[in-house]
Amino acid sequence: APFRPAAPAAKAGAAAAPPAPTAATPATAETGRFLVQVAAFANPAAAEELLIVLLKEGYKAYVAQVQTVNGTVHRVRVGPFSSRDEAQRTIERLRAADHKATLVGG
């Protein structure tokens, strides 16, 4: 199928912020089998703050925007991982550093 750009934002004047240059974009990151979700925020600035912390800590982190019935949610995720064991080790490291972490995918 030919490439088609994403549909414009539903709200007039709303523009999606470009992903941070050091973070994986959801288009590539979501293709991995196992992901770790650290948090989900309605506030994009809160998601960006956590993203920066995780990147500084050395994680391959990104923010994925998802439309829900309650509005846009900004999921802060780490990954992808090729195995459940690798994702689980990352969850343990995140939790040891006082982050929440949940396995998604797989």
PDB file of N, CA and C in Angstrom:
ATOM      1  N   ALA A   1       0.851  -1.181   0.000  1.00  0.00           N
ATOM      2  CA  ALA A   1       0.000   0.000   0.000  1.00  0.00           C
ATOM      3  C   ALA A   1       0.888   1.232   0.000  1.00  0.00           C
ATOM      4  N   PRO A   2       0.482   2.268  -0.679  1.00  0.00           N
ATOM      5  CA  PRO A   2       1.300   3.477  -0.710  1.00  0.00           C
ATOM      6  C   PRO A   2       1.307   4.161   0.641  1.00  0.00           C
ATOM      7  N   PHE A   3       2.355   4.911   0.904  1.00  0.00           N
ATOM      8  CA  PHE A   3       2.482   5.641   2.163  1.00  0.00           C
ATOM      9  C   PHE A   3       1.462   6.760   2.201  1.00  0.00           C
ATOM     10  N   ARG A   4       0.763   6.866   3.323  1.00  0.00           N
ATOM     11  CA  ARG A   4      -0.186   7.957   3.512  1.00  0.00           C
ATOM     12  C   ARG A   4       0.156   8.650   4.815  1.00  0.00           C
ATOM     13  N   PRO A   5       0.269   9.961   4.812  1.00  0.00           N
ATOM     14  CA  PRO A   5       0.559  10.672   6.059  1.00  0.00           C
ATOM     15  C   PRO A   5      -0.574  10.501   7.056  1.00  0.00           C
ATOM     16  N   ALA A   6      -0.261  10.668   8.325  1.00  0.00           N
ATOM     17  CA  ALA A   6      -1.258  10.541   9.383  1.00  0.00           C
ATOM     18  C   ALA A   6      -2.341  11.591   9.196  1.00  0.00           C
ATOM     19  N   ALA A   7      -3.532  11.265   9.641  1.00  0.00           N
ATOM     20  CA  ALA A   7      -4.649  12.210   9.557  1.00  0.00           C
ATOM     21  C   ALA A   7      -4.384  13.394  10.463  1.00  0.00           C
ATOM     22  N   PRO A   8      -4.863  14.566  10.109  1.00  0.00           N
ATOM     23  CA  PRO A   8      -4.659  15.742  10.952  1.00  0.00           C
ATOM     24  C   PRO A   8      -5.334  15.567  12.309  1.00  0.00           C
ATOM     25  N   ALA A   9      -4.842  16.281  13.297  1.00  0.00           N
ATOM     26  CA  ALA A   9      -5.409  16.215  14.642  1.00  0.00           C
ATOM     27  C   ALA A   9      -6.868  16.653  14.595  1.00  0.00           C
ATOM     28  N   ALA A  10      -7.682  16.064  15.472  1.00  0.00           N
ATOM     29  CA  ALA A  10      -9.113  16.344  15.475  1.00  0.00           C
ATOM     30  C   ALA A  10      -9.415  17.779  15.892  1.00  0.00           C
ATOM     31  N   LYS A  11      -8.659  18.316  16.824  1.00  0.00           N
ATOM     32  CA  LYS A  11      -8.900  19.668  17.298  1.00  0.00           C
ATOM     33  C   LYS A  11      -8.176  20.664  16.402  1.00  0.00           C
ATOM     34  N   ALA A  12      -8.839  21.746  16.067  1.00  0.00           N
ATOM     35  CA  ALA A  12      -8.205  22.777  15.250  1.00  0.00           C
ATOM     36  C   ALA A  12      -7.038  23.376  16.003  1.00  0.00           C
ATOM     37  N   GLY A  13      -5.933  23.500  15.356  1.00  0.00           N
ATOM     38  CA  GLY A  13      -4.746  24.092  15.972  1.00  0.00           C
ATOM     39  C   GLY A  13      -3.934  23.118  16.802  1.00  0.00           C
ATOM     40  N   ALA A  14      -4.418  21.909  17.017  1.00  0.00           N
ATOM     41  CA  ALA A  14      -3.666  20.935  17.808  1.00  0.00           C
ATOM     42  C   ALA A  14      -2.606  20.298  16.916  1.00  0.00           C
ATOM     43  N   ALA A  15      -1.397  20.295  17.387  1.00  0.00           N
ATOM     44  CA  ALA A  15      -0.313  19.676  16.624  1.00  0.00           C
ATOM     45  C   ALA A  15       0.444  18.732  17.542  1.00  0.00           C
ATOM     46  N   ALA A  16       0.746  17.567  17.051  1.00  0.00           N
ATOM     47  CA  ALA A  16       1.500  16.602  17.843  1.00  0.00           C
ATOM     48  C   ALA A  16       2.953  17.056  17.919  1.00  0.00           C
ATOM     49  N   ALA A  17       3.511  16.977  19.102  1.00  0.00           N
ATOM     50  CA  ALA A  17       4.912  17.345  19.273  1.00  0.00           C
ATOM     51  C   ALA A  17       5.781  16.276  18.634  1.00  0.00           C
ATOM     52  N   PRO A  18       6.863  16.664  17.980  1.00  0.00           N
ATOM     53  CA  PRO A  18       7.745  15.643  17.399  1.00  0.00           C
ATOM     54  C   PRO A  18       8.425  14.858  18.517  1.00  0.00           C
ATOM     55  N   PRO A  19       8.734  13.596  18.293  1.00  0.00           N
ATOM     56  CA  PRO A  19       9.388  12.804  19.340  1.00  0.00           C
ATOM     57  C   PRO A  19      10.781  13.354  19.641  1.00  0.00           C
ATOM     58  N   ALA A  20      11.216  13.124  20.854  1.00  0.00           N
ATOM     59  CA  ALA A  20      12.563  13.542  21.235  1.00  0.00           C
ATOM     60  C   ALA A  20      13.566  12.833  20.345  1.00  0.00           C
ATOM     61  N   PRO A  21      14.605  13.529  19.890  1.00  0.00           N
ATOM     62  CA  PRO A  21      15.521  12.914  18.930  1.00  0.00           C
ATOM     63  C   PRO A  21      16.258  11.694  19.467  1.00  0.00           C
ATOM     64  N   THR A  22      16.437  11.595  20.792  1.00  0.00           N
ATOM     65  CA  THR A  22      17.166  10.463  21.340  1.00  0.00           C
ATOM     66  C   THR A  22      16.252   9.296  21.677  1.00  0.00           C
ATOM     67  N   ALA A  23      14.950   9.463  21.558  1.00  0.00           N
ATOM     68  CA  ALA A  23      14.014   8.400  21.901  1.00  0.00           C
ATOM     69  C   ALA A  23      13.571   7.657  20.646  1.00  0.00           C
ATOM     70  N   ALA A  24      13.293   6.372  20.807  1.00  0.00           N
ATOM     71  CA  ALA A  24      12.744   5.608  19.696  1.00  0.00           C
ATOM     72  C   ALA A  24      11.330   6.103  19.426  1.00  0.00           C
ATOM     73  N   THR A  25      10.938   6.158  18.190  1.00  0.00           N
ATOM     74  CA  THR A  25       9.581   6.585  17.884  1.00  0.00           C
ATOM     75  C   THR A  25       8.651   5.386  17.994  1.00  0.00           C
ATOM     76  N   PRO A  26       7.390   5.606  18.341  1.00  0.00           N
ATOM     77  CA  PRO A  26       6.473   4.480  18.484  1.00  0.00           C
ATOM     78  C   PRO A  26       6.375   3.618  17.240  1.00  0.00           C
ATOM     79  N   ALA A  27       6.514   4.188  16.067  1.00  0.00           N
ATOM     80  CA  ALA A  27       6.397   3.403  14.837  1.00  0.00           C
ATOM     81  C   ALA A  27       7.428   2.279  14.804  1.00  0.00           C
ATOM     82  N   THR A  28       8.623   2.523  15.334  1.00  0.00           N
ATOM     83  CA  THR A  28       9.636   1.468  15.357  1.00  0.00           C
ATOM     84  C   THR A  28       9.607   0.716  16.679  1.00  0.00           C
ATOM     85  N   ALA A  29       9.368   1.402  17.758  1.00  0.00           N
ATOM     86  CA  ALA A  29       9.437   0.764  19.067  1.00  0.00           C
ATOM     87  C   ALA A  29       8.291  -0.217  19.286  1.00  0.00           C
ATOM     88  N   GLU A  30       7.103   0.077  18.782  1.00  0.00           N
ATOM     89  CA  GLU A  30       5.951  -0.775  19.028  1.00  0.00           C
ATOM     90  C   GLU A  30       6.028  -2.108  18.291  1.00  0.00           C
ATOM     91  N   THR A  31       6.978  -2.273  17.377  1.00  0.00           N
ATOM     92  CA  THR A  31       7.061  -3.520  16.634  1.00  0.00           C
ATOM     93  C   THR A  31       7.742  -4.624  17.433  1.00  0.00           C
ATOM     94  N   GLY A  32       8.415  -4.288  18.532  1.00  0.00           N
ATOM     95  CA  GLY A  32       9.047  -5.298  19.364  1.00  0.00           C
ATOM     96  C   GLY A  32       8.000  -6.132  20.075  1.00  0.00           C
ATOM     97  N   ARG A  33       8.370  -7.320  20.464  1.00  0.00           N
ATOM     98  CA  ARG A  33       7.393  -8.226  21.040  1.00  0.00           C
ATOM     99  C   ARG A  33       7.056  -7.865  22.476  1.00  0.00           C
ATOM    100  N   PHE A  34       8.046  -7.468  23.271  1.00  0.00           N
ATOM    101  CA  PHE A  34       7.821  -7.171  24.678  1.00  0.00           C
ATOM    102  C   PHE A  34       8.199  -5.723  24.970  1.00  0.00           C
ATOM    103  N   LEU A  35       7.315  -5.041  25.663  1.00  0.00           N
ATOM    104  CA  LEU A  35       7.532  -3.655  26.062  1.00  0.00           C
ATOM    105  C   LEU A  35       7.283  -3.540  27.556  1.00  0.00           C
ATOM    106  N   VAL A  36       7.855  -2.511  28.157  1.00  0.00           N
ATOM    107  CA  VAL A  36       7.622  -2.227  29.565  1.00  0.00           C
ATOM    108  C   VAL A  36       6.995  -0.849  29.660  1.00  0.00           C
ATOM    109  N   GLN A  37       5.806  -0.778  30.244  1.00  0.00           N
ATOM    110  CA  GLN A  37       5.176   0.514  30.458  1.00  0.00           C
ATOM    111  C   GLN A  37       5.528   1.000  31.850  1.00  0.00           C
ATOM    112  N   VAL A  38       6.041   2.235  31.905  1.00  0.00           N
ATOM    113  CA  VAL A  38       6.465   2.821  33.173  1.00  0.00           C
ATOM    114  C   VAL A  38       5.364   3.710  33.744  1.00  0.00           C
ATOM    115  N   ALA A  39       4.640   4.420  32.878  1.00  0.00           N
ATOM    116  CA  ALA A  39       3.570   5.301  33.332  1.00  0.00           C
ATOM    117  C   ALA A  39       2.703   5.696  32.152  1.00  0.00           C
ATOM    118  N   ALA A  40       1.544   6.287  32.474  1.00  0.00           N
ATOM    119  CA  ALA A  40       0.655   6.859  31.464  1.00  0.00           C
ATOM    120  C   ALA A  40       0.105   8.159  32.032  1.00  0.00           C
ATOM    121  N   PHE A  41       0.177   9.215  31.241  1.00  0.00           N
ATOM    122  CA  PHE A  41      -0.220  10.542  31.694  1.00  0.00           C
ATOM    123  C   PHE A  41      -1.196  11.175  30.718  1.00  0.00           C
ATOM    124  N   ALA A  42      -2.128  11.971  31.240  1.00  0.00           N
ATOM    125  CA  ALA A  42      -2.948  12.834  30.397  1.00  0.00           C
ATOM    126  C   ALA A  42      -2.128  14.057  30.001  1.00  0.00           C
ATOM    127  N   ASN A  43      -1.226  14.474  30.861  1.00  0.00           N
ATOM    128  CA  ASN A  43      -0.406  15.666  30.662  1.00  0.00           C
ATOM    129  C   ASN A  43       0.862  15.303  29.872  1.00  0.00           C
ATOM    130  N   PRO A  44       1.019  15.819  28.652  1.00  0.00           N
ATOM    131  CA  PRO A  44       2.206  15.476  27.868  1.00  0.00           C
ATOM    132  C   PRO A  44       3.508  15.960  28.506  1.00  0.00           C
ATOM    133  N   ALA A  45       3.474  17.053  29.246  1.00  0.00           N
ATOM    134  CA  ALA A  45       4.697  17.553  29.893  1.00  0.00           C
ATOM    135  C   ALA A  45       5.187  16.577  30.962  1.00  0.00           C
ATOM    136  N   ALA A  46       4.267  15.958  31.683  1.00  0.00           N
ATOM    137  CA  ALA A  46       4.650  14.973  32.703  1.00  0.00           C
ATOM    138  C   ALA A  46       5.298  13.757  32.046  1.00  0.00           C
ATOM    139  N   ALA A  47       4.746  13.330  30.919  1.00  0.00           N
ATOM    140  CA  ALA A  47       5.326  12.203  30.189  1.00  0.00           C
ATOM    141  C   ALA A  47       6.728  12.548  29.700  1.00  0.00           C
ATOM    142  N   GLU A  48       6.899  13.767  29.203  1.00  0.00           N
ATOM    143  CA  GLU A  48       8.201  14.209  28.701  1.00  0.00           C
ATOM    144  C   GLU A  48       9.237  14.262  29.830  1.00  0.00           C
ATOM    145  N   GLU A  49       8.818  14.721  30.997  1.00  0.00           N
ATOM    146  CA  GLU A  49       9.734  14.776  32.147  1.00  0.00           C
ATOM    147  C   GLU A  49      10.235  13.383  32.515  1.00  0.00           C
ATOM    148  N   LEU A  50       9.313  12.421  32.589  1.00  0.00           N
ATOM    149  CA  LEU A  50       9.718  11.050  32.910  1.00  0.00           C
ATOM    150  C   LEU A  50      10.581  10.471  31.801  1.00  0.00           C
ATOM    151  N   LEU A  51      10.243  10.756  30.549  1.00  0.00           N
ATOM    152  CA  LEU A  51      11.049  10.285  29.426  1.00  0.00           C
ATOM    153  C   LEU A  51      12.499  10.745  29.572  1.00  0.00           C
ATOM    154  N   ILE A  52      12.686  12.006  29.891  1.00  0.00           N
ATOM    155  CA  ILE A  52      14.041  12.553  30.045  1.00  0.00           C
ATOM    156  C   ILE A  52      14.791  11.826  31.155  1.00  0.00           C
ATOM    157  N   VAL A  53      14.112  11.575  32.276  1.00  0.00           N
ATOM    158  CA  VAL A  53      14.741  10.848  33.389  1.00  0.00           C
ATOM    159  C   VAL A  53      15.184   9.468  32.934  1.00  0.00           C
ATOM    160  N   LEU A  54      14.290   8.752  32.260  1.00  0.00           N
ATOM    161  CA  LEU A  54      14.612   7.389  31.823  1.00  0.00           C
ATOM    162  C   LEU A  54      15.747   7.371  30.805  1.00  0.00           C
ATOM    163  N   LEU A  55      15.754   8.327  29.876  1.00  0.00           N
ATOM    164  CA  LEU A  55      16.842   8.394  28.894  1.00  0.00           C
ATOM    165  C   LEU A  55      18.170   8.670  29.589  1.00  0.00           C
ATOM    166  N   LYS A  56      18.165   9.567  30.577  1.00  0.00           N
ATOM    167  CA  LYS A  56      19.398   9.863  31.325  1.00  0.00           C
ATOM    168  C   LYS A  56      19.877   8.647  32.108  1.00  0.00           C
ATOM    169  N   GLU A  57      18.933   7.791  32.530  1.00  0.00           N
ATOM    170  CA  GLU A  57      19.289   6.569  33.258  1.00  0.00           C
ATOM    171  C   GLU A  57      19.740   5.455  32.307  1.00  0.00           C
ATOM    172  N   GLY A  58      19.709   5.728  31.004  1.00  0.00           N
ATOM    173  CA  GLY A  58      20.232   4.771  30.038  1.00  0.00           C
ATOM    174  C   GLY A  58      19.212   3.837  29.419  1.00  0.00           C
ATOM    175  N   TYR A  59      17.928   4.069  29.654  1.00  0.00           N
ATOM    176  CA  TYR A  59      16.903   3.215  29.073  1.00  0.00           C
ATOM    177  C   TYR A  59      16.548   3.655  27.661  1.00  0.00           C
ATOM    178  N   LYS A  60      16.141   2.713  26.846  1.00  0.00           N
ATOM    179  CA  LYS A  60      15.644   2.996  25.492  1.00  0.00           C
ATOM    180  C   LYS A  60      14.152   3.285  25.653  1.00  0.00           C
ATOM    181  N   ALA A  61      13.843   4.540  25.970  1.00  0.00           N
ATOM    182  CA  ALA A  61      12.481   4.931  26.323  1.00  0.00           C
ATOM    183  C   ALA A  61      11.859   5.804  25.239  1.00  0.00           C
ATOM    184  N   TYR A  62      10.536   5.856  25.240  1.00  0.00           N
ATOM    185  CA  TYR A  62       9.801   6.693  24.302  1.00  0.00           C
ATOM    186  C   TYR A  62       8.410   6.957  24.856  1.00  0.00           C
ATOM    187  N   VAL A  63       7.712   7.895  24.256  1.00  0.00           N
ATOM    188  CA  VAL A  63       6.325   8.200  24.619  1.00  0.00           C
ATOM    189  C   VAL A  63       5.434   7.830  23.439  1.00  0.00           C
ATOM    190  N   ALA A  64       4.391   7.072  23.703  1.00  0.00           N
ATOM    191  CA  ALA A  64       3.405   6.707  22.690  1.00  0.00           C
ATOM    192  C   ALA A  64       2.083   7.373  23.050  1.00  0.00           C
ATOM    193  N   GLN A  65       1.547   8.130  22.110  1.00  0.00           N
ATOM    194  CA  GLN A  65       0.252   8.785  22.333  1.00  0.00           C
ATOM    195  C   GLN A  65      -0.859   7.847  21.874  1.00  0.00           C
ATOM    196  N   VAL A  66      -1.886   7.717  22.714  1.00  0.00           N
ATOM    197  CA  VAL A  66      -3.017   6.849  22.403  1.00  0.00           C
ATOM    198  C   VAL A  66      -4.300   7.628  22.659  1.00  0.00           C
ATOM    199  N   GLN A  67      -5.212   7.557  21.707  1.00  0.00           N
ATOM    200  CA  GLN A  67      -6.516   8.200  21.884  1.00  0.00           C
ATOM    201  C   GLN A  67      -7.443   7.240  22.625  1.00  0.00           C
ATOM    202  N   THR A  68      -8.067   7.735  23.690  1.00  0.00           N
ATOM    203  CA  THR A  68      -9.042   6.939  24.440  1.00  0.00           C
ATOM    204  C   THR A  68     -10.349   7.719  24.501  1.00  0.00           C
ATOM    205  N   VAL A  69     -11.373   7.102  25.039  1.00  0.00           N
ATOM    206  CA  VAL A  69     -12.653   7.793  25.172  1.00  0.00           C
ATOM    207  C   VAL A  69     -12.541   8.994  26.109  1.00  0.00           C
ATOM    208  N   ASN A  70     -11.538   8.995  26.964  1.00  0.00           N
ATOM    209  CA  ASN A  70     -11.325  10.101  27.906  1.00  0.00           C
ATOM    210  C   ASN A  70     -10.297  11.109  27.412  1.00  0.00           C
ATOM    211  N   GLY A  71      -9.836  10.984  26.180  1.00  0.00           N
ATOM    212  CA  GLY A  71      -8.848  11.910  25.640  1.00  0.00           C
ATOM    213  C   GLY A  71      -7.533  11.212  25.338  1.00  0.00           C
ATOM    214  N   THR A  72      -6.511  12.006  25.093  1.00  0.00           N
ATOM    215  CA  THR A  72      -5.196  11.474  24.743  1.00  0.00           C
ATOM    216  C   THR A  72      -4.446  11.043  25.994  1.00  0.00           C
ATOM    217  N   VAL A  73      -3.855   9.857  25.931  1.00  0.00           N
ATOM    218  CA  VAL A  73      -3.007   9.343  27.003  1.00  0.00           C
ATOM    219  C   VAL A  73      -1.594   9.229  26.435  1.00  0.00           C
ATOM    220  N   HIS A  74      -0.618   9.646  27.213  1.00  0.00           N
ATOM    221  CA  HIS A  74       0.794   9.602  26.812  1.00  0.00           C
ATOM    222  C   HIS A  74       1.464   8.493  27.626  1.00  0.00           C
ATOM    223  N   ARG A  75       1.714   7.363  26.970  1.00  0.00           N
ATOM    224  CA  ARG A  75       2.307   6.195  27.630  1.00  0.00           C
ATOM    225  C   ARG A  75       3.827   6.296  27.555  1.00  0.00           C
ATOM    226  N   VAL A  76       4.467   6.186  28.689  1.00  0.00           N
ATOM    227  CA  VAL A  76       5.927   6.189  28.741  1.00  0.00           C
ATOM    228  C   VAL A  76       6.359   4.727  28.813  1.00  0.00           C
ATOM    229  N   ARG A  77       7.106   4.321  27.793  1.00  0.00           N
ATOM    230  CA  ARG A  77       7.489   2.912  27.676  1.00  0.00           C
ATOM    231  C   ARG A  77       8.980   2.754  27.448  1.00  0.00           C
ATOM    232  N   VAL A  78       9.460   1.556  27.768  1.00  0.00           N
ATOM    233  CA  VAL A  78      10.855   1.173  27.555  1.00  0.00           C
ATOM    234  C   VAL A  78      10.834  -0.097  26.704  1.00  0.00           C
ATOM    235  N   GLY A  79      11.753  -0.173  25.749  1.00  0.00           N
ATOM    236  CA  GLY A  79      11.814  -1.361  24.915  1.00  0.00           C
ATOM    237  C   GLY A  79      11.977  -0.967  23.461  1.00  0.00           C
ATOM    238  N   PRO A  80      11.790  -1.876  22.585  1.00  0.00           N
ATOM    239  CA  PRO A  80      11.279  -3.230  22.747  1.00  0.00           C
ATOM    240  C   PRO A  80      12.365  -4.213  23.180  1.00  0.00           C
ATOM    241  N   PHE A  81      11.902  -5.358  23.659  1.00  0.00           N
ATOM    242  CA  PHE A  81      12.795  -6.438  24.073  1.00  0.00           C
ATOM    243  C   PHE A  81      12.442  -7.678  23.269  1.00  0.00           C
ATOM    244  N   SER A  82      13.455  -8.457  22.944  1.00  0.00           N
ATOM    245  CA  SER A  82      13.223  -9.649  22.128  1.00  0.00           C
ATOM    246  C   SER A  82      12.754 -10.837  22.963  1.00  0.00           C
ATOM    247  N   SER A  83      12.913 -10.752  24.297  1.00  0.00           N
ATOM    248  CA  SER A  83      12.471 -11.871  25.127  1.00  0.00           C
ATOM    249  C   SER A  83      11.786 -11.358  26.393  1.00  0.00           C
ATOM    250  N   ARG A  84      10.914 -12.190  26.929  1.00  0.00           N
ATOM    251  CA  ARG A  84      10.229 -11.865  28.182  1.00  0.00           C
ATOM    252  C   ARG A  84      11.249 -11.721  29.319  1.00  0.00           C
ATOM    253  N   ASP A  85      12.274 -12.581  29.336  1.00  0.00           N
ATOM    254  CA  ASP A  85      13.289 -12.518  30.390  1.00  0.00           C
ATOM    255  C   ASP A  85      14.012 -11.172  30.379  1.00  0.00           C
ATOM    256  N   GLU A  86      14.367 -10.686  29.203  1.00  0.00           N
ATOM    257  CA  GLU A  86      15.050  -9.399  29.095  1.00  0.00           C
ATOM    258  C   GLU A  86      14.143  -8.271  29.604  1.00  0.00           C
ATOM    259  N   ALA A  87      12.871  -8.310  29.229  1.00  0.00           N
ATOM    260  CA  ALA A  87      11.915  -7.304  29.705  1.00  0.00           C
ATOM    261  C   ALA A  87      11.750  -7.399  31.220  1.00  0.00           C
ATOM    262  N   GLN A  88      11.681  -8.615  31.752  1.00  0.00           N
ATOM    263  CA  GLN A  88      11.500  -8.799  33.192  1.00  0.00           C
ATOM    264  C   GLN A  88      12.709  -8.276  33.976  1.00  0.00           C
ATOM    265  N   ARG A  89      13.914  -8.479  33.456  1.00  0.00           N
ATOM    266  CA  ARG A  89      15.117  -7.938  34.124  1.00  0.00           C
ATOM    267  C   ARG A  89      15.064  -6.411  34.152  1.00  0.00           C
ATOM    268  N   THR A  90      14.574  -5.818  33.073  1.00  0.00           N
ATOM    269  CA  THR A  90      14.444  -4.359  33.014  1.00  0.00           C
ATOM    270  C   THR A  90      13.393  -3.882  34.015  1.00  0.00           C
ATOM    271  N   ILE A  91      12.287  -4.603  34.138  1.00  0.00           N
ATOM    272  CA  ILE A  91      11.257  -4.260  35.125  1.00  0.00           C
ATOM    273  C   ILE A  91      11.864  -4.261  36.525  1.00  0.00           C
ATOM    274  N   GLU A  92      12.650  -5.267  36.841  1.00  0.00           N
ATOM    275  CA  GLU A  92      13.274  -5.344  38.167  1.00  0.00           C
ATOM    276  C   GLU A  92      14.210  -4.164  38.410  1.00  0.00           C
ATOM    277  N   ARG A  93      14.998  -3.772  37.382  1.00  0.00           N
ATOM    278  CA  ARG A  93      15.894  -2.615  37.527  1.00  0.00           C
ATOM    279  C   ARG A  93      15.098  -1.325  37.716  1.00  0.00           C
ATOM    280  N   LEU A  94      14.018  -1.158  36.944  1.00  0.00           N
ATOM    281  CA  LEU A  94      13.182   0.032  37.067  1.00  0.00           C
ATOM    282  C   LEU A  94      12.557   0.118  38.455  1.00  0.00           C
ATOM    283  N   ARG A  95      12.022  -0.997  38.938  1.00  0.00           N
ATOM    284  CA  ARG A  95      11.391  -1.007  40.263  1.00  0.00           C
ATOM    285  C   ARG A  95      12.404  -0.747  41.367  1.00  0.00           C
ATOM    286  N   ALA A  96      13.614  -1.256  41.208  1.00  0.00           N
ATOM    287  CA  ALA A  96      14.673  -1.004  42.190  1.00  0.00           C
ATOM    288  C   ALA A  96      15.032   0.476  42.245  1.00  0.00           C
ATOM    289  N   ALA A  97      14.805   1.192  41.143  1.00  0.00           N
ATOM    290  CA  ALA A  97      15.068   2.640  41.064  1.00  0.00           C
ATOM    291  C   ALA A  97      13.800   3.446  41.361  1.00  0.00           C
ATOM    292  N   ASP A  98      12.811   2.803  41.998  1.00  0.00           N
ATOM    293  CA  ASP A  98      11.555   3.449  42.398  1.00  0.00           C
ATOM    294  C   ASP A  98      10.674   3.896  41.250  1.00  0.00           C
ATOM    295  N   HIS A  99      10.777   3.228  40.106  1.00  0.00           N
ATOM    296  CA  HIS A  99       9.861   3.471  39.002  1.00  0.00           C
ATOM    297  C   HIS A  99       8.817   2.362  39.027  1.00  0.00           C
ATOM    298  N   LYS A 100       7.622   2.662  38.552  1.00  0.00           N
ATOM    299  CA  LYS A 100       6.630   1.620  38.334  1.00  0.00           C
ATOM    300  C   LYS A 100       6.972   0.993  36.990  1.00  0.00           C
ATOM    301  N   ALA A 101       6.620  -0.273  36.816  1.00  0.00           N
ATOM    302  CA  ALA A 101       6.920  -0.937  35.544  1.00  0.00           C
ATOM    303  C   ALA A 101       5.997  -2.132  35.388  1.00  0.00           C
ATOM    304  N   THR A 102       5.419  -2.248  34.190  1.00  0.00           N
ATOM    305  CA  THR A 102       4.509  -3.334  33.880  1.00  0.00           C
ATOM    306  C   THR A 102       4.840  -3.879  32.496  1.00  0.00           C
ATOM    307  N   LEU A 103       4.858  -5.183  32.358  1.00  0.00           N
ATOM    308  CA  LEU A 103       5.098  -5.823  31.068  1.00  0.00           C
ATOM    309  C   LEU A 103       3.866  -5.670  30.184  1.00  0.00           C
ATOM    310  N   VAL A 104       4.087  -5.248  28.940  1.00  0.00           N
ATOM    311  CA  VAL A 104       3.005  -5.183  27.961  1.00  0.00           C
ATOM    312  C   VAL A 104       3.478  -5.884  26.705  1.00  0.00           C
ATOM    313  N   GLY A 105       2.561  -6.472  25.968  1.00  0.00           N
ATOM    314  CA  GLY A 105       2.934  -7.230  24.779  1.00  0.00           C
ATOM    315  C   GLY A 105       3.240  -8.662  25.144  1.00  0.00           C
ATOM    316  N   GLY A 106       3.604  -9.415  24.139  1.00  0.00           N
ATOM    317  CA  GLY A 106       3.962 -10.810  24.347  1.00  0.00           C
ATOM    318  C   GLY A 106       2.744 -11.641  24.552  1.00  0.00           C
TER     319      GLY A 106
END
